[in-house]
Amino acid sequence: MAKVMVMYNKPADAAAFDAYYFKKHVPLAKTIPGLRSYEVNAGPVVTPQGPSPYHLIATLTFESMAAIGAAFASKEGQATVADVANFAQAGVQTVIFDTREV
């Protein structure tokens, strides 16, 4: 499996962020070809030292790194990426990685 982890910084208006994210962005993202699962944190994002700079972390799972490449090259993937500018004004970090069980 391969994952895309998207970490959204804390917005000025968390309620507006959440409303847009869950009503518009998530349904759009779920149209991305090859998406196997879509998870978000439940509750606050914290570190062992305390609060984190993140409001929400989304983890999208795909079959492989190649599947991620194809997914985000698709029109649905491109539309999803473009949509981030509509609600993530506080900033966002994205990491992409392959996984293995240990």
PDB file of N, CA and C in Angstrom:
ATOM      1  N   MET A   1       0.841  -1.178   0.000  1.00  0.00           N
ATOM      2  CA  MET A   1       0.000   0.000   0.000  1.00  0.00           C
ATOM      3  C   MET A   1       0.887   1.242   0.000  1.00  0.00           C
ATOM      4  N   ALA A   2       0.305   2.328  -0.463  1.00  0.00           N
ATOM      5  CA  ALA A   2       0.977   3.620  -0.452  1.00  0.00           C
ATOM      6  C   ALA A   2      -0.009   4.646   0.090  1.00  0.00           C
ATOM      7  N   LYS A   3       0.519   5.664   0.729  1.00  0.00           N
ATOM      8  CA  LYS A   3      -0.336   6.631   1.412  1.00  0.00           C
ATOM      9  C   LYS A   3       0.002   8.058   1.008  1.00  0.00           C
ATOM     10  N   VAL A   4      -1.025   8.882   1.056  1.00  0.00           N
ATOM     11  CA  VAL A   4      -0.890  10.322   0.951  1.00  0.00           C
ATOM     12  C   VAL A   4      -1.398  10.863   2.281  1.00  0.00           C
ATOM     13  N   MET A   5      -0.543  11.582   3.011  1.00  0.00           N
ATOM     14  CA  MET A   5      -0.940  12.174   4.279  1.00  0.00           C
ATOM     15  C   MET A   5      -0.956  13.687   4.097  1.00  0.00           C
ATOM     16  N   VAL A   6      -2.115  14.277   4.367  1.00  0.00           N
ATOM     17  CA  VAL A   6      -2.300  15.713   4.194  1.00  0.00           C
ATOM     18  C   VAL A   6      -2.569  16.309   5.569  1.00  0.00           C
ATOM     19  N   MET A   7      -1.695  17.244   5.973  1.00  0.00           N
ATOM     20  CA  MET A   7      -1.773  17.836   7.307  1.00  0.00           C
ATOM     21  C   MET A   7      -2.155  19.308   7.164  1.00  0.00           C
ATOM     22  N   TYR A   8      -3.350  19.640   7.629  1.00  0.00           N
ATOM     23  CA  TYR A   8      -3.892  20.992   7.504  1.00  0.00           C
ATOM     24  C   TYR A   8      -3.610  21.787   8.775  1.00  0.00           C
ATOM     25  N   ASN A   9      -2.978  22.942   8.616  1.00  0.00           N
ATOM     26  CA  ASN A   9      -2.708  23.818   9.756  1.00  0.00           C
ATOM     27  C   ASN A   9      -4.013  24.315  10.358  1.00  0.00           C
ATOM     28  N   LYS A  10      -3.935  24.756  11.617  1.00  0.00           N
ATOM     29  CA  LYS A  10      -5.129  25.252  12.300  1.00  0.00           C
ATOM     30  C   LYS A  10      -5.638  26.512  11.611  1.00  0.00           C
ATOM     31  N   PRO A  11      -6.897  26.485  11.160  1.00  0.00           N
ATOM     32  CA  PRO A  11      -7.469  27.647  10.462  1.00  0.00           C
ATOM     33  C   PRO A  11      -7.951  28.709  11.451  1.00  0.00           C
ATOM     34  N   ALA A  12      -8.153  29.919  10.948  1.00  0.00           N
ATOM     35  CA  ALA A  12      -8.707  30.997  11.768  1.00  0.00           C
ATOM     36  C   ALA A  12     -10.139  30.661  12.192  1.00  0.00           C
ATOM     37  N   ASP A  13     -10.893  30.020  11.316  1.00  0.00           N
ATOM     38  CA  ASP A  13     -12.290  29.665  11.595  1.00  0.00           C
ATOM     39  C   ASP A  13     -12.458  28.157  11.379  1.00  0.00           C
ATOM     40  N   ALA A  14     -12.293  27.403  12.454  1.00  0.00           N
ATOM     41  CA  ALA A  14     -12.339  25.936  12.365  1.00  0.00           C
ATOM     42  C   ALA A  14     -13.706  25.437  11.897  1.00  0.00           C
ATOM     43  N   ALA A  15     -14.779  26.092  12.322  1.00  0.00           N
ATOM     44  CA  ALA A  15     -16.125  25.653  11.925  1.00  0.00           C
ATOM     45  C   ALA A  15     -16.326  25.811  10.419  1.00  0.00           C
ATOM     46  N   ALA A  16     -15.871  26.921   9.862  1.00  0.00           N
ATOM     47  CA  ALA A  16     -15.994  27.136   8.411  1.00  0.00           C
ATOM     48  C   ALA A  16     -15.124  26.140   7.654  1.00  0.00           C
ATOM     49  N   PHE A  17     -13.918  25.891   8.153  1.00  0.00           N
ATOM     50  CA  PHE A  17     -13.030  24.902   7.537  1.00  0.00           C
ATOM     51  C   PHE A  17     -13.726  23.545   7.503  1.00  0.00           C
ATOM     52  N   ASP A  18     -14.215  23.102   8.660  1.00  0.00           N
ATOM     53  CA  ASP A  18     -14.853  21.783   8.750  1.00  0.00           C
ATOM     54  C   ASP A  18     -16.077  21.677   7.846  1.00  0.00           C
ATOM     55  N   ALA A  19     -16.891  22.719   7.805  1.00  0.00           N
ATOM     56  CA  ALA A  19     -18.092  22.691   6.964  1.00  0.00           C
ATOM     57  C   ALA A  19     -17.704  22.507   5.503  1.00  0.00           C
ATOM     58  N   TYR A  20     -16.742  23.269   5.027  1.00  0.00           N
ATOM     59  CA  TYR A  20     -16.329  23.152   3.627  1.00  0.00           C
ATOM     60  C   TYR A  20     -15.663  21.794   3.392  1.00  0.00           C
ATOM     61  N   TYR A  21     -14.761  21.431   4.278  1.00  0.00           N
ATOM     62  CA  TYR A  21     -13.992  20.200   4.103  1.00  0.00           C
ATOM     63  C   TYR A  21     -14.911  18.981   3.988  1.00  0.00           C
ATOM     64  N   PHE A  22     -15.827  18.842   4.921  1.00  0.00           N
ATOM     65  CA  PHE A  22     -16.638  17.626   4.941  1.00  0.00           C
ATOM     66  C   PHE A  22     -17.810  17.652   3.954  1.00  0.00           C
ATOM     67  N   LYS A  23     -18.312  18.829   3.616  1.00  0.00           N
ATOM     68  CA  LYS A  23     -19.439  18.897   2.682  1.00  0.00           C
ATOM     69  C   LYS A  23     -19.010  18.972   1.224  1.00  0.00           C
ATOM     70  N   LYS A  24     -17.849  19.564   0.964  1.00  0.00           N
ATOM     71  CA  LYS A  24     -17.431  19.746  -0.427  1.00  0.00           C
ATOM     72  C   LYS A  24     -16.154  19.001  -0.788  1.00  0.00           C
ATOM     73  N   HIS A  25     -15.112  19.142   0.038  1.00  0.00           N
ATOM     74  CA  HIS A  25     -13.821  18.572  -0.343  1.00  0.00           C
ATOM     75  C   HIS A  25     -13.804  17.042  -0.260  1.00  0.00           C
ATOM     76  N   VAL A  26     -14.308  16.492   0.821  1.00  0.00           N
ATOM     77  CA  VAL A  26     -14.296  15.025   0.966  1.00  0.00           C
ATOM     78  C   VAL A  26     -15.069  14.342  -0.165  1.00  0.00           C
ATOM     79  N   PRO A  27     -16.291  14.770  -0.494  1.00  0.00           N
ATOM     80  CA  PRO A  27     -16.982  14.119  -1.620  1.00  0.00           C
ATOM     81  C   PRO A  27     -16.202  14.234  -2.929  1.00  0.00           C
ATOM     82  N   LEU A  28     -15.542  15.369  -3.154  1.00  0.00           N
ATOM     83  CA  LEU A  28     -14.726  15.526  -4.357  1.00  0.00           C
ATOM     84  C   LEU A  28     -13.550  14.563  -4.330  1.00  0.00           C
ATOM     85  N   ALA A  29     -12.848  14.498  -3.206  1.00  0.00           N
ATOM     86  CA  ALA A  29     -11.684  13.612  -3.087  1.00  0.00           C
ATOM     87  C   ALA A  29     -12.064  12.141  -3.259  1.00  0.00           C
ATOM     88  N   LYS A  30     -13.246  11.780  -2.815  1.00  0.00           N
ATOM     89  CA  LYS A  30     -13.671  10.384  -2.922  1.00  0.00           C
ATOM     90  C   LYS A  30     -13.930   9.948  -4.367  1.00  0.00           C
ATOM     91  N   THR A  31     -13.890  10.891  -5.308  1.00  0.00           N
ATOM     92  CA  THR A  31     -14.034  10.533  -6.724  1.00  0.00           C
ATOM     93  C   THR A  31     -12.686  10.196  -7.371  1.00  0.00           C
ATOM     94  N   ILE A  32     -11.588  10.379  -6.632  1.00  0.00           N
ATOM     95  CA  ILE A  32     -10.254  10.129  -7.198  1.00  0.00           C
ATOM     96  C   ILE A  32     -10.132   8.638  -7.536  1.00  0.00           C
ATOM     97  N   PRO A  33      -9.769   8.324  -8.771  1.00  0.00           N
ATOM     98  CA  PRO A  33      -9.641   6.915  -9.162  1.00  0.00           C
ATOM     99  C   PRO A  33      -8.551   6.195  -8.353  1.00  0.00           C
ATOM    100  N   GLY A  34      -8.859   4.990  -7.936  1.00  0.00           N
ATOM    101  CA  GLY A  34      -7.881   4.166  -7.230  1.00  0.00           C
ATOM    102  C   GLY A  34      -7.815   4.390  -5.731  1.00  0.00           C
ATOM    103  N   LEU A  35      -8.602   5.320  -5.200  1.00  0.00           N
ATOM    104  CA  LEU A  35      -8.608   5.571  -3.756  1.00  0.00           C
ATOM    105  C   LEU A  35      -9.185   4.357  -3.042  1.00  0.00           C
ATOM    106  N   ARG A  36      -8.410   3.776  -2.143  1.00  0.00           N
ATOM    107  CA  ARG A  36      -8.869   2.579  -1.415  1.00  0.00           C
ATOM    108  C   ARG A  36      -9.497   2.920  -0.077  1.00  0.00           C
ATOM    109  N   SER A  37      -8.950   3.912   0.605  1.00  0.00           N
ATOM    110  CA  SER A  37      -9.556   4.349   1.873  1.00  0.00           C
ATOM    111  C   SER A  37      -9.189   5.796   2.135  1.00  0.00           C
ATOM    112  N   TYR A  38     -10.011   6.445   2.953  1.00  0.00           N
ATOM    113  CA  TYR A  38      -9.850   7.862   3.280  1.00  0.00           C
ATOM    114  C   TYR A  38     -10.153   7.986   4.768  1.00  0.00           C
ATOM    115  N   GLU A  39      -9.167   8.368   5.546  1.00  0.00           N
ATOM    116  CA  GLU A  39      -9.340   8.497   6.995  1.00  0.00           C
ATOM    117  C   GLU A  39      -8.916   9.889   7.433  1.00  0.00           C
ATOM    118  N   VAL A  40      -9.575  10.394   8.477  1.00  0.00           N
ATOM    119  CA  VAL A  40      -9.167  11.643   9.107  1.00  0.00           C
ATOM    120  C   VAL A  40      -9.104  11.422  10.610  1.00  0.00           C
ATOM    121  N   ASN A  41      -8.376  12.308  11.272  1.00  0.00           N
ATOM    122  CA  ASN A  41      -8.284  12.185  12.727  1.00  0.00           C
ATOM    123  C   ASN A  41      -9.652  12.400  13.368  1.00  0.00           C
ATOM    124  N   ALA A  42      -9.834  11.749  14.493  1.00  0.00           N
ATOM    125  CA  ALA A  42     -11.035  11.932  15.308  1.00  0.00           C
ATOM    126  C   ALA A  42     -10.577  12.634  16.579  1.00  0.00           C
ATOM    127  N   GLY A  43     -10.902  13.890  16.723  1.00  0.00           N
ATOM    128  CA  GLY A  43     -10.451  14.659  17.872  1.00  0.00           C
ATOM    129  C   GLY A  43      -9.197  15.449  17.553  1.00  0.00           C
ATOM    130  N   PRO A  44      -8.665  16.125  18.556  1.00  0.00           N
ATOM    131  CA  PRO A  44      -7.511  16.989  18.343  1.00  0.00           C
ATOM    132  C   PRO A  44      -6.265  16.213  17.913  1.00  0.00           C
ATOM    133  N   VAL A  45      -5.403  16.896  17.168  1.00  0.00           N
ATOM    134  CA  VAL A  45      -4.100  16.350  16.794  1.00  0.00           C
ATOM    135  C   VAL A  45      -3.112  16.882  17.818  1.00  0.00           C
ATOM    136  N   VAL A  46      -2.415  15.987  18.501  1.00  0.00           N
ATOM    137  CA  VAL A  46      -1.459  16.385  19.535  1.00  0.00           C
ATOM    138  C   VAL A  46      -0.116  15.710  19.302  1.00  0.00           C
ATOM    139  N   THR A  47       0.888  16.186  19.998  1.00  0.00           N
ATOM    140  CA  THR A  47       2.205  15.564  20.005  1.00  0.00           C
ATOM    141  C   THR A  47       2.470  15.070  21.421  1.00  0.00           C
ATOM    142  N   PRO A  48       3.516  14.290  21.650  1.00  0.00           N
ATOM    143  CA  PRO A  48       3.832  13.894  23.028  1.00  0.00           C
ATOM    144  C   PRO A  48       4.109  15.097  23.936  1.00  0.00           C
ATOM    145  N   GLN A  49       4.505  16.212  23.342  1.00  0.00           N
ATOM    146  CA  GLN A  49       4.795  17.414  24.126  1.00  0.00           C
ATOM    147  C   GLN A  49       3.565  18.306  24.316  1.00  0.00           C
ATOM    148  N   GLY A  50       2.473  18.014  23.626  1.00  0.00           N
ATOM    149  CA  GLY A  50       1.268  18.830  23.760  1.00  0.00           C
ATOM    150  C   GLY A  50       0.634  19.131  22.419  1.00  0.00           C
ATOM    151  N   PRO A  51       0.031  20.317  22.282  1.00  0.00           N
ATOM    152  CA  PRO A  51      -0.676  20.666  21.048  1.00  0.00           C
ATOM    153  C   PRO A  51       0.229  20.638  19.815  1.00  0.00           C
ATOM    154  N   SER A  52      -0.391  20.414  18.670  1.00  0.00           N
ATOM    155  CA  SER A  52       0.334  20.434  17.398  1.00  0.00           C
ATOM    156  C   SER A  52      -0.179  21.617  16.581  1.00  0.00           C
ATOM    157  N   PRO A  53       0.500  21.945  15.488  1.00  0.00           N
ATOM    158  CA  PRO A  53       0.018  23.032  14.638  1.00  0.00           C
ATOM    159  C   PRO A  53      -1.110  22.598  13.702  1.00  0.00           C
ATOM    160  N   TYR A  54      -1.506  21.313  13.770  1.00  0.00           N
ATOM    161  CA  TYR A  54      -2.460  20.786  12.805  1.00  0.00           C
ATOM    162  C   TYR A  54      -3.874  20.713  13.355  1.00  0.00           C
ATOM    163  N   HIS A  55      -4.801  21.090  12.513  1.00  0.00           N
ATOM    164  CA  HIS A  55      -6.228  20.987  12.824  1.00  0.00           C
ATOM    165  C   HIS A  55      -6.767  19.631  12.387  1.00  0.00           C
ATOM    166  N   LEU A  56      -6.329  19.170  11.213  1.00  0.00           N
ATOM    167  CA  LEU A  56      -6.862  17.947  10.642  1.00  0.00           C
ATOM    168  C   LEU A  56      -5.776  17.249   9.845  1.00  0.00           C
ATOM    169  N   ILE A  57      -5.726  15.940   9.962  1.00  0.00           N
ATOM    170  CA  ILE A  57      -4.816  15.123   9.166  1.00  0.00           C
ATOM    171  C   ILE A  57      -5.649  14.086   8.421  1.00  0.00           C
ATOM    172  N   ALA A  58      -5.494  14.078   7.101  1.00  0.00           N
ATOM    173  CA  ALA A  58      -6.193  13.112   6.254  1.00  0.00           C
ATOM    174  C   ALA A  58      -5.178  12.116   5.718  1.00  0.00           C
ATOM    175  N   THR A  59      -5.536  10.854   5.733  1.00  0.00           N
ATOM    176  CA  THR A  59      -4.679   9.801   5.188  1.00  0.00           C
ATOM    177  C   THR A  59      -5.464   9.069   4.105  1.00  0.00           C
ATOM    178  N   LEU A  60      -4.941   9.151   2.884  1.00  0.00           N
ATOM    179  CA  LEU A  60      -5.559   8.500   1.728  1.00  0.00           C
ATOM    180  C   LEU A  60      -4.695   7.313   1.345  1.00  0.00           C
ATOM    181  N   THR A  61      -5.311   6.163   1.149  1.00  0.00           N
ATOM    182  CA  THR A  61      -4.581   4.938   0.835  1.00  0.00           C
ATOM    183  C   THR A  61      -4.856   4.509  -0.598  1.00  0.00           C
ATOM    184  N   PHE A  62      -3.773   4.112  -1.270  1.00  0.00           N
ATOM    185  CA  PHE A  62      -3.822   3.625  -2.641  1.00  0.00           C
ATOM    186  C   PHE A  62      -3.043   2.316  -2.721  1.00  0.00           C
ATOM    187  N   GLU A  63      -3.205   1.607  -3.808  1.00  0.00           N
ATOM    188  CA  GLU A  63      -2.537   0.315  -3.993  1.00  0.00           C
ATOM    189  C   GLU A  63      -1.017   0.454  -4.070  1.00  0.00           C
ATOM    190  N   SER A  64      -0.519   1.522  -4.693  1.00  0.00           N
ATOM    191  CA  SER A  64       0.925   1.664  -4.922  1.00  0.00           C
ATOM    192  C   SER A  64       1.273   3.123  -5.189  1.00  0.00           C
ATOM    193  N   MET A  65       2.563   3.409  -5.235  1.00  0.00           N
ATOM    194  CA  MET A  65       3.021   4.751  -5.589  1.00  0.00           C
ATOM    195  C   MET A  65       2.587   5.087  -7.019  1.00  0.00           C
ATOM    196  N   ALA A  66       2.633   4.093  -7.909  1.00  0.00           N
ATOM    197  CA  ALA A  66       2.186   4.320  -9.291  1.00  0.00           C
ATOM    198  C   ALA A  66       0.705   4.677  -9.323  1.00  0.00           C
ATOM    199  N   ALA A  67      -0.088   4.040  -8.478  1.00  0.00           N
ATOM    200  CA  ALA A  67      -1.521   4.337  -8.408  1.00  0.00           C
ATOM    201  C   ALA A  67      -1.754   5.772  -7.922  1.00  0.00           C
ATOM    202  N   ILE A  68      -0.923   6.234  -6.996  1.00  0.00           N
ATOM    203  CA  ILE A  68      -1.032   7.625  -6.535  1.00  0.00           C
ATOM    204  C   ILE A  68      -0.730   8.579  -7.690  1.00  0.00           C
ATOM    205  N   GLY A  69       0.329   8.291  -8.428  1.00  0.00           N
ATOM    206  CA  GLY A  69       0.674   9.129  -9.573  1.00  0.00           C
ATOM    207  C   GLY A  69      -0.462   9.217 -10.575  1.00  0.00           C
ATOM    208  N   ALA A  70      -1.049   8.077 -10.901  1.00  0.00           N
ATOM    209  CA  ALA A  70      -2.160   8.054 -11.851  1.00  0.00           C
ATOM    210  C   ALA A  70      -3.378   8.765 -11.277  1.00  0.00           C
ATOM    211  N   ALA A  71      -3.627   8.584  -9.993  1.00  0.00           N
ATOM    212  CA  ALA A  71      -4.794   9.195  -9.353  1.00  0.00           C
ATOM    213  C   ALA A  71      -4.730  10.711  -9.421  1.00  0.00           C
ATOM    214  N   PHE A  72      -3.583  11.271  -9.115  1.00  0.00           N
ATOM    215  CA  PHE A  72      -3.474  12.722  -9.081  1.00  0.00           C
ATOM    216  C   PHE A  72      -3.220  13.332 -10.448  1.00  0.00           C
ATOM    217  N   ALA A  73      -2.937  12.514 -11.431  1.00  0.00           N
ATOM    218  CA  ALA A  73      -2.853  12.987 -12.817  1.00  0.00           C
ATOM    219  C   ALA A  73      -4.242  13.029 -13.463  1.00  0.00           C
ATOM    220  N   SER A  74      -5.205  12.345 -12.852  1.00  0.00           N
ATOM    221  CA  SER A  74      -6.569  12.308 -13.396  1.00  0.00           C
ATOM    222  C   SER A  74      -7.247  13.663 -13.211  1.00  0.00           C
ATOM    223  N   LYS A  75      -8.328  13.887 -13.948  1.00  0.00           N
ATOM    224  CA  LYS A  75      -9.074  15.152 -13.798  1.00  0.00           C
ATOM    225  C   LYS A  75      -9.657  15.275 -12.398  1.00  0.00           C
ATOM    226  N   GLU A  76     -10.077  14.159 -11.804  1.00  0.00           N
ATOM    227  CA  GLU A  76     -10.616  14.181 -10.439  1.00  0.00           C
ATOM    228  C   GLU A  76      -9.525  14.534  -9.425  1.00  0.00           C
ATOM    229  N   GLY A  77      -8.348  13.960  -9.621  1.00  0.00           N
ATOM    230  CA  GLY A  77      -7.225  14.260  -8.733  1.00  0.00           C
ATOM    231  C   GLY A  77      -6.799  15.707  -8.839  1.00  0.00           C
ATOM    232  N   GLN A  78      -6.727  16.220 -10.061  1.00  0.00           N
ATOM    233  CA  GLN A  78      -6.344  17.617 -10.270  1.00  0.00           C
ATOM    234  C   GLN A  78      -7.383  18.566  -9.677  1.00  0.00           C
ATOM    235  N   ALA A  79      -8.661  18.241  -9.813  1.00  0.00           N
ATOM    236  CA  ALA A  79      -9.724  19.074  -9.239  1.00  0.00           C
ATOM    237  C   ALA A  79      -9.646  19.077  -7.715  1.00  0.00           C
ATOM    238  N   THR A  80      -9.326  17.930  -7.124  1.00  0.00           N
ATOM    239  CA  THR A  80      -9.215  17.835  -5.671  1.00  0.00           C
ATOM    240  C   THR A  80      -8.058  18.680  -5.168  1.00  0.00           C
ATOM    241  N   VAL A  81      -6.919  18.588  -5.826  1.00  0.00           N
ATOM    242  CA  VAL A  81      -5.754  19.392  -5.427  1.00  0.00           C
ATOM    243  C   VAL A  81      -6.078  20.878  -5.565  1.00  0.00           C
ATOM    244  N   ALA A  82      -6.699  21.281  -6.659  1.00  0.00           N
ATOM    245  CA  ALA A  82      -7.041  22.682  -6.880  1.00  0.00           C
ATOM    246  C   ALA A  82      -8.026  23.192  -5.825  1.00  0.00           C
ATOM    247  N   ASP A  83      -8.892  22.325  -5.324  1.00  0.00           N
ATOM    248  CA  ASP A  83      -9.901  22.716  -4.345  1.00  0.00           C
ATOM    249  C   ASP A  83      -9.301  23.102  -3.004  1.00  0.00           C
ATOM    250  N   VAL A  84      -8.119  22.625  -2.690  1.00  0.00           N
ATOM    251  CA  VAL A  84      -7.492  22.907  -1.392  1.00  0.00           C
ATOM    252  C   VAL A  84      -7.374  24.416  -1.161  1.00  0.00           C
ATOM    253  N   ALA A  85      -7.113  25.178  -2.195  1.00  0.00           N
ATOM    254  CA  ALA A  85      -6.990  26.635  -2.059  1.00  0.00           C
ATOM    255  C   ALA A  85      -8.291  27.290  -1.605  1.00  0.00           C
ATOM    256  N   ASN A  86      -9.413  26.609  -1.750  1.00  0.00           N
ATOM    257  CA  ASN A  86     -10.708  27.167  -1.365  1.00  0.00           C
ATOM    258  C   ASN A  86     -10.971  27.142   0.137  1.00  0.00           C
ATOM    259  N   PHE A  87     -10.193  26.378   0.911  1.00  0.00           N
ATOM    260  CA  PHE A  87     -10.491  26.267   2.340  1.00  0.00           C
ATOM    261  C   PHE A  87      -9.268  26.176   3.245  1.00  0.00           C
ATOM    262  N   ALA A  88      -8.086  25.964   2.711  1.00  0.00           N
ATOM    263  CA  ALA A  88      -6.892  25.727   3.544  1.00  0.00           C
ATOM    264  C   ALA A  88      -5.955  26.931   3.535  1.00  0.00           C
ATOM    265  N   GLN A  89      -6.508  28.123   3.802  1.00  0.00           N
ATOM    266  CA  GLN A  89      -5.700  29.334   3.780  1.00  0.00           C
ATOM    267  C   GLN A  89      -4.600  29.341   4.843  1.00  0.00           C
ATOM    268  N   ALA A  90      -4.748  28.568   5.901  1.00  0.00           N
ATOM    269  CA  ALA A  90      -3.736  28.521   6.967  1.00  0.00           C
ATOM    270  C   ALA A  90      -2.512  27.700   6.568  1.00  0.00           C
ATOM    271  N   GLY A  91      -2.612  26.968   5.478  1.00  0.00           N
ATOM    272  CA  GLY A  91      -1.484  26.173   5.007  1.00  0.00           C
ATOM    273  C   GLY A  91      -1.723  24.684   5.152  1.00  0.00           C
ATOM    274  N   VAL A  92      -0.982  23.946   4.369  1.00  0.00           N
ATOM    275  CA  VAL A  92      -1.127  22.492   4.332  1.00  0.00           C
ATOM    276  C   VAL A  92       0.212  21.874   3.954  1.00  0.00           C
ATOM    277  N   GLN A  93       0.523  20.744   4.542  1.00  0.00           N
ATOM    278  CA  GLN A  93       1.703  19.971   4.186  1.00  0.00           C
ATOM    279  C   GLN A  93       1.238  18.597   3.729  1.00  0.00           C
ATOM    280  N   THR A  94       1.884  18.087   2.696  1.00  0.00           N
ATOM    281  CA  THR A  94       1.524  16.779   2.158  1.00  0.00           C
ATOM    282  C   THR A  94       2.767  15.923   2.055  1.00  0.00           C
ATOM    283  N   VAL A  95       2.652  14.673   2.503  1.00  0.00           N
ATOM    284  CA  VAL A  95       3.719  13.693   2.316  1.00  0.00           C
ATOM    285  C   VAL A  95       3.120  12.471   1.643  1.00  0.00           C
ATOM    286  N   ILE A  96       3.939  11.823   0.826  1.00  0.00           N
ATOM    287  CA  ILE A  96       3.508  10.637   0.086  1.00  0.00           C
ATOM    288  C   ILE A  96       4.547   9.558   0.350  1.00  0.00           C
ATOM    289  N   PHE A  97       4.090   8.348   0.676  1.00  0.00           N
ATOM    290  CA  PHE A  97       5.036   7.294   1.005  1.00  0.00           C
ATOM    291  C   PHE A  97       4.456   5.910   0.744  1.00  0.00           C
ATOM    292  N   ASP A  98       5.348   4.989   0.482  1.00  0.00           N
ATOM    293  CA  ASP A  98       5.001   3.576   0.348  1.00  0.00           C
ATOM    294  C   ASP A  98       5.062   2.970   1.741  1.00  0.00           C
ATOM    295  N   THR A  99       4.299   1.933   1.983  1.00  0.00           N
ATOM    296  CA  THR A  99       4.320   1.298   3.301  1.00  0.00           C
ATOM    297  C   THR A  99       4.704  -0.175   3.180  1.00  0.00           C
ATOM    298  N   ARG A 100       5.144  -0.706   4.306  1.00  0.00           N
ATOM    299  CA  ARG A 100       5.415  -2.135   4.419  1.00  0.00           C
ATOM    300  C   ARG A 100       5.127  -2.553   5.839  1.00  0.00           C
ATOM    301  N   GLU A 101       4.666  -3.731   5.989  1.00  0.00           N
ATOM    302  CA  GLU A 101       4.381  -4.230   7.328  1.00  0.00           C
ATOM    303  C   GLU A 101       5.673  -4.732   7.945  1.00  0.00           C
ATOM    304  N   VAL A 102       5.860  -4.478   9.227  1.00  0.00           N
ATOM    305  CA  VAL A 102       7.073  -4.934   9.932  1.00  0.00           C
ATOM    306  C   VAL A 102       6.707  -5.728  11.156  1.00  0.00           C
TER     307      VAL A 102
END
